[in-house]
Amino acid sequence: MTKLMDLKIDFAFKQVFGKEGNEPILLAFLNATLQLPKEKRLSSVEILNPEINREHIEDKASVLDIHAKTEQGEHVNIEIQLANKFDMEKRTLYYWSRIYSAQMQKGMPYTELAKTITINILNFRFLRETERFHTTFHLYEDQEQFPLTDVMEIHFMEIPKLMDKWEQRAVNPHDNELERWLLLLEADDHEEIRKELEAIAMQDPVMKRAFDEWEDLSRDEKKWVEYESRRKAILDEMAAVREAEIRQQRAREEGLAEGERQKALEVAKNLLAMDMSVEVIAKATGLSAEEIEQLKKQLH
């Protein structure tokens, strides 16, 4: 059995979903994501950034996203994020605005700016308000909820929430296209998911094609070198984010501990003023007898 690349690494995802010639795979994913009525489903898509620049592979700050254009002229951007940098809201608005505004040409009226859709695939929990793994946002009026415009559409797909539902047997990739495509991102080292999707692929020619492309990619030694280079850069970035989180947590804990200590000292001062014994004050505050004796000397 071929060892498969992790499709959550953006390099591998883009090679399967965003490579020229693989438009049917991207099209199936987009139709599953956008969940349009049957008569409005996309029938074609153009990949606008099929190439991966070599210098981006090892650059952990770069984003190997997929930028595509539908037959209606809508622009779609797909990005995978493995680590929570706690900037996702502003980050996605920035990427949306960048693609939306890039359409503007000199002398072009604003009315010709096309709808822009941003799709974020997240390998972490993001929205605390819901346990749904797929959420979609638009611009609406606060009170009556009517849309201002349809040009902005933002999707978030939280893989951990989907996997929780998988463990609870609350998903059905045979009937749900989006669950099918997102579970594919976990199939590299999850044998049960892989077997179920392979069974589905026997009836779904596009899923079968995705498996074939994935396996061909994973057999390419040159691509493996590039993949491992990119994977290392991403893992290094994730480690740096985690280290920053640990330092922040430690600082918070130390700050809380120091705050508690200051409160204990204030209480001790008040008790000393009331001529309470060192032993009683130590029990009341948690301070050591030595600390209280030192405080007693300072007060005198």
C-alpha atoms as a PDB file:
ATOM      1  CA  MET A   1       0.000   0.000   0.000  1.00  0.00           C
ATOM      2  CA  THR A   2       1.354   3.414  -1.021  1.00  0.00           C
ATOM      3  CA  LYS A   3       2.302   5.707   1.858  1.00  0.00           C
ATOM      4  CA  LEU A   4       0.228   8.817   1.242  1.00  0.00           C
ATOM      5  CA  MET A   5       1.112  12.432   1.849  1.00  0.00           C
ATOM      6  CA  ASP A   6      -0.967  14.320   4.408  1.00  0.00           C
ATOM      7  CA  LEU A   7      -3.384  16.407   2.341  1.00  0.00           C
ATOM      8  CA  LYS A   8      -3.672  18.905   5.189  1.00  0.00           C
ATOM      9  CA  ILE A   9      -0.161  20.044   4.273  1.00  0.00           C
ATOM     10  CA  ASP A  10      -0.986  22.805   1.804  1.00  0.00           C
ATOM     11  CA  PHE A  11       1.657  21.647  -0.692  1.00  0.00           C
ATOM     12  CA  ALA A  12      -0.027  18.247  -1.087  1.00  0.00           C
ATOM     13  CA  PHE A  13      -3.552  19.712  -1.051  1.00  0.00           C
ATOM     14  CA  LYS A  14      -2.678  22.082  -3.861  1.00  0.00           C
ATOM     15  CA  GLN A  15      -1.051  19.317  -5.926  1.00  0.00           C
ATOM     16  CA  VAL A  16      -4.298  17.301  -5.852  1.00  0.00           C
ATOM     17  CA  PHE A  17      -6.995  20.006  -5.799  1.00  0.00           C
ATOM     18  CA  GLY A  18      -5.270  22.983  -7.387  1.00  0.00           C
ATOM     19  CA  LYS A  19      -3.157  21.565 -10.215  1.00  0.00           C
ATOM     20  CA  GLU A  20      -3.978  22.287 -13.840  1.00  0.00           C
ATOM     21  CA  GLY A  21      -5.747  19.243 -15.209  1.00  0.00           C
ATOM     22  CA  ASN A  22      -7.378  18.453 -11.859  1.00  0.00           C
ATOM     23  CA  GLU A  23     -10.248  20.913 -12.334  1.00  0.00           C
ATOM     24  CA  PRO A  24     -12.930  18.169 -11.952  1.00  0.00           C
ATOM     25  CA  ILE A  25     -11.619  17.427  -8.429  1.00  0.00           C
ATOM     26  CA  LEU A  26     -11.684  21.111  -7.439  1.00  0.00           C
ATOM     27  CA  LEU A  27     -15.109  21.498  -9.033  1.00  0.00           C
ATOM     28  CA  ALA A  28     -16.541  18.612  -7.011  1.00  0.00           C
ATOM     29  CA  PHE A  29     -15.094  20.076  -3.806  1.00  0.00           C
ATOM     30  CA  LEU A  30     -16.519  23.532  -4.558  1.00  0.00           C
ATOM     31  CA  ASN A  31     -19.991  22.192  -5.364  1.00  0.00           C
ATOM     32  CA  ALA A  32     -19.922  20.229  -2.112  1.00  0.00           C
ATOM     33  CA  THR A  33     -18.856  23.335  -0.181  1.00  0.00           C
ATOM     34  CA  LEU A  34     -21.130  25.934  -1.745  1.00  0.00           C
ATOM     35  CA  GLN A  35     -24.187  23.647  -1.582  1.00  0.00           C
ATOM     36  CA  LEU A  36     -25.936  25.406  -4.436  1.00  0.00           C
ATOM     37  CA  PRO A  37     -29.318  24.283  -5.790  1.00  0.00           C
ATOM     38  CA  LYS A  38     -29.016  21.621  -8.482  1.00  0.00           C
ATOM     39  CA  GLU A  39     -29.799  24.053 -11.296  1.00  0.00           C
ATOM     40  CA  LYS A  40     -27.082  26.465 -10.090  1.00  0.00           C
ATOM     41  CA  ARG A  41     -24.255  23.993  -9.452  1.00  0.00           C
ATOM     42  CA  LEU A  42     -20.942  24.922 -11.019  1.00  0.00           C
ATOM     43  CA  SER A  43     -20.104  23.198 -14.275  1.00  0.00           C
ATOM     44  CA  SER A  44     -16.574  24.539 -14.780  1.00  0.00           C
ATOM     45  CA  VAL A  45     -13.771  26.236 -12.894  1.00  0.00           C
ATOM     46  CA  GLU A  46     -10.480  27.869 -13.900  1.00  0.00           C
ATOM     47  CA  ILE A  47      -7.435  27.510 -11.652  1.00  0.00           C
ATOM     48  CA  LEU A  48      -5.683  30.884 -11.578  1.00  0.00           C
ATOM     49  CA  ASN A  49      -2.517  30.025  -9.602  1.00  0.00           C
ATOM     50  CA  PRO A  50      -1.515  26.488 -10.611  1.00  0.00           C
ATOM     51  CA  GLU A  51       2.218  26.877 -10.047  1.00  0.00           C
ATOM     52  CA  ILE A  52       4.072  26.567  -6.743  1.00  0.00           C
ATOM     53  CA  ASN A  53       7.144  28.768  -6.538  1.00  0.00           C
ATOM     54  CA  ARG A  54      10.147  26.861  -5.189  1.00  0.00           C
ATOM     55  CA  GLU A  55      11.016  29.631  -2.732  1.00  0.00           C
ATOM     56  CA  HIS A  56       7.577  29.279  -1.108  1.00  0.00           C
ATOM     57  CA  ILE A  57       7.986  25.628  -0.171  1.00  0.00           C
ATOM     58  CA  GLU A  58      10.357  26.256   2.735  1.00  0.00           C
ATOM     59  CA  ASP A  59       8.890  29.653   3.626  1.00  0.00           C
ATOM     60  CA  LYS A  60       6.630  28.973   6.592  1.00  0.00           C
ATOM     61  CA  ALA A  61       5.241  32.501   6.303  1.00  0.00           C
ATOM     62  CA  SER A  62       3.901  31.876   2.804  1.00  0.00           C
ATOM     63  CA  VAL A  63       0.456  30.482   2.074  1.00  0.00           C
ATOM     64  CA  LEU A  64       0.087  27.902  -0.677  1.00  0.00           C
ATOM     65  CA  ASP A  65      -3.565  28.650  -1.244  1.00  0.00           C
ATOM     66  CA  ILE A  66      -5.732  27.880  -4.261  1.00  0.00           C
ATOM     67  CA  HIS A  67      -7.208  30.739  -6.277  1.00  0.00           C
ATOM     68  CA  ALA A  68      -9.845  29.837  -8.851  1.00  0.00           C
ATOM     69  CA  LYS A  69     -12.561  31.422 -10.952  1.00  0.00           C
ATOM     70  CA  THR A  70     -15.995  29.954 -11.691  1.00  0.00           C
ATOM     71  CA  GLU A  71     -17.842  30.147 -15.003  1.00  0.00           C
ATOM     72  CA  GLN A  72     -19.964  32.960 -13.487  1.00  0.00           C
ATOM     73  CA  GLY A  73     -16.766  34.950 -12.894  1.00  0.00           C
ATOM     74  CA  GLU A  74     -16.779  34.450  -9.107  1.00  0.00           C
ATOM     75  CA  HIS A  75     -13.365  34.331  -7.450  1.00  0.00           C
ATOM     76  CA  VAL A  76     -12.690  31.576  -4.919  1.00  0.00           C
ATOM     77  CA  ASN A  77      -9.757  31.312  -2.521  1.00  0.00           C
ATOM     78  CA  ILE A  78      -9.069  28.124  -0.515  1.00  0.00           C
ATOM     79  CA  GLU A  79      -6.608  28.137   2.367  1.00  0.00           C
ATOM     80  CA  ILE A  80      -5.576  25.444   4.854  1.00  0.00           C
ATOM     81  CA  GLN A  81      -4.445  26.428   8.356  1.00  0.00           C
ATOM     82  CA  LEU A  82      -2.982  23.819  10.714  1.00  0.00           C
ATOM     83  CA  ALA A  83      -2.158  26.043  13.701  1.00  0.00           C
ATOM     84  CA  ASN A  84      -4.382  28.537  15.483  1.00  0.00           C
ATOM     85  CA  LYS A  85      -2.573  31.869  15.421  1.00  0.00           C
ATOM     86  CA  PHE A  86      -5.615  33.599  16.953  1.00  0.00           C
ATOM     87  CA  ASP A  87      -5.925  35.974  14.005  1.00  0.00           C
ATOM     88  CA  MET A  88      -8.257  33.990  11.761  1.00  0.00           C
ATOM     89  CA  GLU A  89     -11.060  36.563  11.578  1.00  0.00           C
ATOM     90  CA  LYS A  90      -8.828  39.400  10.416  1.00  0.00           C
ATOM     91  CA  ARG A  91      -6.647  37.103   8.359  1.00  0.00           C
ATOM     92  CA  THR A  92      -9.568  35.821   6.302  1.00  0.00           C
ATOM     93  CA  LEU A  93     -10.961  39.327   5.788  1.00  0.00           C
ATOM     94  CA  TYR A  94      -7.543  40.437   4.570  1.00  0.00           C
ATOM     95  CA  TYR A  95      -7.299  37.602   2.050  1.00  0.00           C
ATOM     96  CA  TRP A  96     -10.865  38.194   0.914  1.00  0.00           C
ATOM     97  CA  SER A  97     -10.271  41.924   0.426  1.00  0.00           C
ATOM     98  CA  ARG A  98      -6.994  41.332  -1.388  1.00  0.00           C
ATOM     99  CA  ILE A  99      -8.615  39.074  -3.990  1.00  0.00           C
ATOM    100  CA  TYR A 100     -11.728  41.243  -4.268  1.00  0.00           C
ATOM    101  CA  SER A 101      -9.794  44.480  -4.795  1.00  0.00           C
ATOM    102  CA  ALA A 102      -7.273  42.860  -7.183  1.00  0.00           C
ATOM    103  CA  GLN A 103     -10.072  42.595  -9.752  1.00  0.00           C
ATOM    104  CA  MET A 104     -10.210  46.377 -10.112  1.00  0.00           C
ATOM    105  CA  GLN A 105      -8.705  47.743 -13.301  1.00  0.00           C
ATOM    106  CA  LYS A 106      -8.238  51.394 -14.309  1.00  0.00           C
ATOM    107  CA  GLY A 107     -11.549  52.890 -15.394  1.00  0.00           C
ATOM    108  CA  MET A 108     -13.518  49.832 -14.279  1.00  0.00           C
ATOM    109  CA  PRO A 109     -16.841  50.551 -12.500  1.00  0.00           C
ATOM    110  CA  TYR A 110     -17.324  49.066  -9.023  1.00  0.00           C
ATOM    111  CA  THR A 111     -20.413  47.252 -10.273  1.00  0.00           C
ATOM    112  CA  GLU A 112     -18.174  44.887 -12.250  1.00  0.00           C
ATOM    113  CA  LEU A 113     -16.373  43.570  -9.168  1.00  0.00           C
ATOM    114  CA  ALA A 114     -17.292  39.895  -8.938  1.00  0.00           C
ATOM    115  CA  LYS A 115     -18.387  37.911  -5.914  1.00  0.00           C
ATOM    116  CA  THR A 116     -15.426  36.646  -3.914  1.00  0.00           C
ATOM    117  CA  ILE A 117     -15.588  33.498  -1.791  1.00  0.00           C
ATOM    118  CA  THR A 118     -13.011  32.556   0.834  1.00  0.00           C
ATOM    119  CA  ILE A 119     -12.876  28.949   2.093  1.00  0.00           C
ATOM    120  CA  ASN A 120     -10.812  28.236   5.218  1.00  0.00           C
ATOM    121  CA  ILE A 121     -10.022  24.626   6.119  1.00  0.00           C
ATOM    122  CA  LEU A 122      -8.874  24.619   9.748  1.00  0.00           C
ATOM    123  CA  ASN A 123      -7.171  21.836  11.658  1.00  0.00           C
ATOM    124  CA  PHE A 124      -8.212  23.392  14.969  1.00  0.00           C
ATOM    125  CA  ARG A 125     -11.389  24.425  16.761  1.00  0.00           C
ATOM    126  CA  PHE A 126     -12.230  28.010  15.883  1.00  0.00           C
ATOM    127  CA  LEU A 127     -15.843  28.977  16.589  1.00  0.00           C
ATOM    128  CA  ARG A 128     -16.926  28.301  20.153  1.00  0.00           C
ATOM    129  CA  GLU A 129     -20.508  29.284  19.404  1.00  0.00           C
ATOM    130  CA  THR A 130     -21.327  26.128  17.442  1.00  0.00           C
ATOM    131  CA  GLU A 131     -20.400  22.463  17.106  1.00  0.00           C
ATOM    132  CA  ARG A 132     -21.152  22.526  13.353  1.00  0.00           C
ATOM    133  CA  PHE A 133     -17.968  21.869  11.417  1.00  0.00           C
ATOM    134  CA  HIS A 134     -19.034  23.972   8.406  1.00  0.00           C
ATOM    135  CA  THR A 135     -20.168  27.574   8.848  1.00  0.00           C
ATOM    136  CA  THR A 136     -20.831  30.257   6.224  1.00  0.00           C
ATOM    137  CA  PHE A 137     -20.871  34.035   6.666  1.00  0.00           C
ATOM    138  CA  HIS A 138     -22.327  36.885   4.608  1.00  0.00           C
ATOM    139  CA  LEU A 139     -23.081  40.597   5.170  1.00  0.00           C
ATOM    140  CA  TYR A 140     -26.537  41.076   6.725  1.00  0.00           C
ATOM    141  CA  GLU A 141     -28.471  43.917   8.378  1.00  0.00           C
ATOM    142  CA  ASP A 142     -28.457  43.470  12.156  1.00  0.00           C
ATOM    143  CA  GLN A 143     -32.184  43.714  12.929  1.00  0.00           C
ATOM    144  CA  GLU A 144     -34.004  42.279   9.916  1.00  0.00           C
ATOM    145  CA  GLN A 145     -31.243  40.075   8.536  1.00  0.00           C
ATOM    146  CA  PHE A 146     -31.594  41.143   4.904  1.00  0.00           C
ATOM    147  CA  PRO A 147     -28.374  41.004   2.855  1.00  0.00           C
ATOM    148  CA  LEU A 148     -26.435  44.129   1.994  1.00  0.00           C
ATOM    149  CA  THR A 149     -24.717  42.371  -0.933  1.00  0.00           C
ATOM    150  CA  ASP A 150     -23.816  38.862  -2.020  1.00  0.00           C
ATOM    151  CA  VAL A 151     -20.234  39.699  -3.051  1.00  0.00           C
ATOM    152  CA  MET A 152     -18.768  38.492   0.259  1.00  0.00           C
ATOM    153  CA  GLU A 153     -18.973  34.839   1.292  1.00  0.00           C
ATOM    154  CA  ILE A 154     -16.684  33.251   3.880  1.00  0.00           C
ATOM    155  CA  HIS A 155     -16.576  29.568   4.839  1.00  0.00           C
ATOM    156  CA  PHE A 156     -14.902  27.908   7.803  1.00  0.00           C
ATOM    157  CA  MET A 157     -14.430  24.128   7.948  1.00  0.00           C
ATOM    158  CA  GLU A 158     -13.145  22.827  11.286  1.00  0.00           C
ATOM    159  CA  ILE A 159     -11.651  19.349  10.881  1.00  0.00           C
ATOM    160  CA  PRO A 160     -11.572  18.480  14.629  1.00  0.00           C
ATOM    161  CA  LYS A 161     -15.342  19.006  14.864  1.00  0.00           C
ATOM    162  CA  LEU A 162     -15.877  16.761  11.844  1.00  0.00           C
ATOM    163  CA  MET A 163     -13.677  14.072  13.377  1.00  0.00           C
ATOM    164  CA  ASP A 164     -15.675  14.253  16.623  1.00  0.00           C
ATOM    165  CA  LYS A 165     -18.797  13.548  14.583  1.00  0.00           C
ATOM    166  CA  TRP A 166     -16.994  10.722  12.795  1.00  0.00           C
ATOM    167  CA  GLU A 167     -16.144   9.124  16.139  1.00  0.00           C
ATOM    168  CA  GLN A 168     -19.780   9.518  17.179  1.00  0.00           C
ATOM    169  CA  ARG A 169     -20.894   7.915  13.886  1.00  0.00           C
ATOM    170  CA  ALA A 170     -22.808  11.112  13.127  1.00  0.00           C
ATOM    171  CA  VAL A 171     -21.517  11.573   9.556  1.00  0.00           C
ATOM    172  CA  ASN A 172     -22.450   9.799   6.340  1.00  0.00           C
ATOM    173  CA  PRO A 173     -19.901  10.384   3.556  1.00  0.00           C
ATOM    174  CA  HIS A 174     -21.925   8.123   1.241  1.00  0.00           C
ATOM    175  CA  ASP A 175     -24.700  10.735   1.099  1.00  0.00           C
ATOM    176  CA  ASN A 176     -22.914  13.929   2.107  1.00  0.00           C
ATOM    177  CA  GLU A 177     -20.420  15.201  -0.478  1.00  0.00           C
ATOM    178  CA  LEU A 178     -18.727  17.727   1.774  1.00  0.00           C
ATOM    179  CA  GLU A 179     -18.132  15.197   4.557  1.00  0.00           C
ATOM    180  CA  ARG A 180     -16.685  12.893   1.907  1.00  0.00           C
ATOM    181  CA  TRP A 181     -14.149  15.430   0.634  1.00  0.00           C
ATOM    182  CA  LEU A 182     -13.129  16.705   4.062  1.00  0.00           C
ATOM    183  CA  LEU A 183     -12.675  13.184   5.427  1.00  0.00           C
ATOM    184  CA  LEU A 184     -10.271  12.606   2.552  1.00  0.00           C
ATOM    185  CA  LEU A 185      -7.921  15.024   4.320  1.00  0.00           C
ATOM    186  CA  GLU A 186      -7.714  12.573   7.244  1.00  0.00           C
ATOM    187  CA  ALA A 187      -7.440   9.386   5.173  1.00  0.00           C
ATOM    188  CA  ASP A 188      -3.639   9.253   4.909  1.00  0.00           C
ATOM    189  CA  ASP A 189      -3.218   7.635   8.348  1.00  0.00           C
ATOM    190  CA  HIS A 190      -6.807   6.711   9.258  1.00  0.00           C
ATOM    191  CA  GLU A 191      -7.380   3.248   7.815  1.00  0.00           C
ATOM    192  CA  GLU A 192     -11.111   3.084   8.532  1.00  0.00           C
ATOM    193  CA  ILE A 193     -11.787   6.382   6.763  1.00  0.00           C
ATOM    194  CA  ARG A 194      -9.553   5.425   3.864  1.00  0.00           C
ATOM    195  CA  LYS A 195     -11.362   2.103   3.329  1.00  0.00           C
ATOM    196  CA  GLU A 196     -14.776   3.744   3.451  1.00  0.00           C
ATOM    197  CA  LEU A 197     -13.764   6.425   0.952  1.00  0.00           C
ATOM    198  CA  GLU A 198     -12.175   3.839  -1.336  1.00  0.00           C
ATOM    199  CA  ALA A 199     -15.522   2.017  -1.350  1.00  0.00           C
ATOM    200  CA  ILE A 200     -17.266   5.290  -2.234  1.00  0.00           C
ATOM    201  CA  ALA A 201     -14.701   5.918  -4.985  1.00  0.00           C
ATOM    202  CA  MET A 202     -15.877   2.760  -6.730  1.00  0.00           C
ATOM    203  CA  GLN A 203     -19.145   4.619  -7.388  1.00  0.00           C
ATOM    204  CA  ASP A 204     -17.764   8.153  -7.586  1.00  0.00           C
ATOM    205  CA  PRO A 205     -15.390   8.643 -10.542  1.00  0.00           C
ATOM    206  CA  VAL A 206     -14.163  12.048  -9.337  1.00  0.00           C
ATOM    207  CA  MET A 207     -13.289  10.677  -5.902  1.00  0.00           C
ATOM    208  CA  LYS A 208     -11.534   7.795  -7.685  1.00  0.00           C
ATOM    209  CA  ARG A 209      -9.569  10.316  -9.726  1.00  0.00           C
ATOM    210  CA  ALA A 210      -8.595  12.178  -6.543  1.00  0.00           C
ATOM    211  CA  PHE A 211      -7.280   8.933  -5.030  1.00  0.00           C
ATOM    212  CA  ASP A 212      -5.326   8.193  -8.213  1.00  0.00           C
ATOM    213  CA  GLU A 213      -3.791  11.685  -8.282  1.00  0.00           C
ATOM    214  CA  TRP A 214      -2.967  11.439  -4.575  1.00  0.00           C
ATOM    215  CA  GLU A 215      -1.288   8.060  -4.971  1.00  0.00           C
ATOM    216  CA  ASP A 216       0.653   9.205  -8.063  1.00  0.00           C
ATOM    217  CA  LEU A 217       1.826  12.282  -6.147  1.00  0.00           C
ATOM    218  CA  SER A 218       2.858  10.134  -3.193  1.00  0.00           C
ATOM    219  CA  ARG A 219       4.942   7.858  -5.459  1.00  0.00           C
ATOM    220  CA  ASP A 220       6.902  10.805  -6.871  1.00  0.00           C
ATOM    221  CA  GLU A 221      10.242  10.938  -5.031  1.00  0.00           C
ATOM    222  CA  LYS A 222      10.942  14.516  -6.113  1.00  0.00           C
ATOM    223  CA  LYS A 223       7.553  15.652  -4.835  1.00  0.00           C
ATOM    224  CA  TRP A 224       8.211  13.830  -1.544  1.00  0.00           C
ATOM    225  CA  VAL A 225      11.377  15.911  -1.061  1.00  0.00           C
ATOM    226  CA  GLU A 226       9.400  19.113  -1.679  1.00  0.00           C
ATOM    227  CA  TYR A 227       6.553  17.886   0.530  1.00  0.00           C
ATOM    228  CA  GLU A 228       8.871  17.052   3.439  1.00  0.00           C
ATOM    229  CA  SER A 229      10.564  20.428   3.110  1.00  0.00           C
ATOM    230  CA  ARG A 230       7.212  22.198   3.276  1.00  0.00           C
ATOM    231  CA  ARG A 231       5.967  19.933   6.072  1.00  0.00           C
ATOM    232  CA  LYS A 232       9.061  20.704   8.167  1.00  0.00           C
ATOM    233  CA  ALA A 233       8.577  24.446   7.663  1.00  0.00           C
ATOM    234  CA  ILE A 234       4.937  24.192   8.787  1.00  0.00           C
ATOM    235  CA  LEU A 235       5.775  22.004  11.790  1.00  0.00           C
ATOM    236  CA  ASP A 236       8.496  24.471  12.810  1.00  0.00           C
ATOM    237  CA  GLU A 237       5.938  27.269  12.614  1.00  0.00           C
ATOM    238  CA  MET A 238       3.439  25.255  14.675  1.00  0.00           C
ATOM    239  CA  ALA A 239       6.102  24.573  17.287  1.00  0.00           C
ATOM    240  CA  ALA A 240       6.891  28.294  17.477  1.00  0.00           C
ATOM    241  CA  VAL A 241       3.192  29.110  17.919  1.00  0.00           C
ATOM    242  CA  ARG A 242       2.895  26.477  20.660  1.00  0.00           C
ATOM    243  CA  GLU A 243       5.991  27.804  22.434  1.00  0.00           C
ATOM    244  CA  ALA A 244       4.512  31.306  22.345  1.00  0.00           C
ATOM    245  CA  GLU A 245       1.271  29.960  23.829  1.00  0.00           C
ATOM    246  CA  ILE A 246       3.187  28.224  26.640  1.00  0.00           C
ATOM    247  CA  ARG A 247       5.125  31.396  27.430  1.00  0.00           C
ATOM    248  CA  GLN A 248       1.936  33.459  27.506  1.00  0.00           C
ATOM    249  CA  GLN A 249       0.252  30.931  29.779  1.00  0.00           C
ATOM    250  CA  ARG A 250       3.276  30.855  32.084  1.00  0.00           C
ATOM    251  CA  ALA A 251       3.315  34.652  32.233  1.00  0.00           C
ATOM    252  CA  ARG A 252      -0.394  34.704  33.064  1.00  0.00           C
ATOM    253  CA  GLU A 253       0.084  32.097  35.791  1.00  0.00           C
ATOM    254  CA  GLU A 254       3.059  33.946  37.240  1.00  0.00           C
ATOM    255  CA  GLY A 255       1.088  37.173  37.145  1.00  0.00           C
ATOM    256  CA  LEU A 256      -1.824  35.542  38.948  1.00  0.00           C
ATOM    257  CA  ALA A 257       0.532  33.988  41.523  1.00  0.00           C
ATOM    258  CA  GLU A 258       2.181  37.340  42.186  1.00  0.00           C
ATOM    259  CA  GLY A 259      -1.233  38.958  42.513  1.00  0.00           C
ATOM    260  CA  GLU A 260      -2.309  36.361  45.060  1.00  0.00           C
ATOM    261  CA  ARG A 261       0.928  36.853  46.974  1.00  0.00           C
ATOM    262  CA  GLN A 262       0.358  40.614  47.171  1.00  0.00           C
ATOM    263  CA  LYS A 263      -3.155  40.015  48.519  1.00  0.00           C
ATOM    264  CA  ALA A 264      -1.766  37.605  51.131  1.00  0.00           C
ATOM    265  CA  LEU A 265       0.812  40.195  52.228  1.00  0.00           C
ATOM    266  CA  GLU A 266      -1.906  42.836  52.629  1.00  0.00           C
ATOM    267  CA  VAL A 267      -3.975  40.466  54.751  1.00  0.00           C
ATOM    268  CA  ALA A 268      -0.897  39.607  56.827  1.00  0.00           C
ATOM    269  CA  LYS A 269      -0.211  43.296  57.427  1.00  0.00           C
ATOM    270  CA  ASN A 270      -3.756  43.805  58.698  1.00  0.00           C
ATOM    271  CA  LEU A 271      -3.540  40.762  60.970  1.00  0.00           C
ATOM    272  CA  LEU A 272      -0.190  41.883  62.363  1.00  0.00           C
ATOM    273  CA  ALA A 273      -1.733  45.243  63.144  1.00  0.00           C
ATOM    274  CA  MET A 274      -4.339  43.331  65.145  1.00  0.00           C
ATOM    275  CA  ASP A 275      -1.525  41.577  67.115  1.00  0.00           C
ATOM    276  CA  MET A 276      -2.393  38.155  65.722  1.00  0.00           C
ATOM    277  CA  SER A 277       0.281  35.474  66.200  1.00  0.00           C
ATOM    278  CA  VAL A 278       2.651  34.500  63.408  1.00  0.00           C
ATOM    279  CA  GLU A 279       1.258  30.942  63.428  1.00  0.00           C
ATOM    280  CA  VAL A 280      -2.348  32.113  62.959  1.00  0.00           C
ATOM    281  CA  ILE A 281      -1.362  34.541  60.189  1.00  0.00           C
ATOM    282  CA  ALA A 282       0.586  31.806  58.399  1.00  0.00           C
ATOM    283  CA  LYS A 283      -2.476  29.539  58.433  1.00  0.00           C
ATOM    284  CA  ALA A 284      -4.753  32.355  57.286  1.00  0.00           C
ATOM    285  CA  THR A 285      -2.590  33.567  54.384  1.00  0.00           C
ATOM    286  CA  GLY A 286      -0.462  30.610  53.287  1.00  0.00           C
ATOM    287  CA  LEU A 287       2.679  32.668  53.807  1.00  0.00           C
ATOM    288  CA  SER A 288       5.638  31.120  55.605  1.00  0.00           C
ATOM    289  CA  ALA A 289       6.528  32.057  59.176  1.00  0.00           C
ATOM    290  CA  GLU A 290       9.802  33.513  57.860  1.00  0.00           C
ATOM    291  CA  GLU A 291       7.952  35.776  55.416  1.00  0.00           C
ATOM    292  CA  ILE A 292       5.630  37.011  58.161  1.00  0.00           C
ATOM    293  CA  GLU A 293       8.556  37.677  60.539  1.00  0.00           C
ATOM    294  CA  GLN A 294      10.269  39.668  57.780  1.00  0.00           C
ATOM    295  CA  LEU A 295       7.071  41.635  57.159  1.00  0.00           C
ATOM    296  CA  LYS A 296       6.762  42.260  60.904  1.00  0.00           C
ATOM    297  CA  LYS A 297      10.271  43.771  60.985  1.00  0.00           C
ATOM    298  CA  GLN A 298       9.435  46.039  58.014  1.00  0.00           C
ATOM    299  CA  LEU A 299       6.313  47.331  59.732  1.00  0.00           C
ATOM    300  CA  HIS A 300       8.299  48.165  62.861  1.00  0.00           C
END
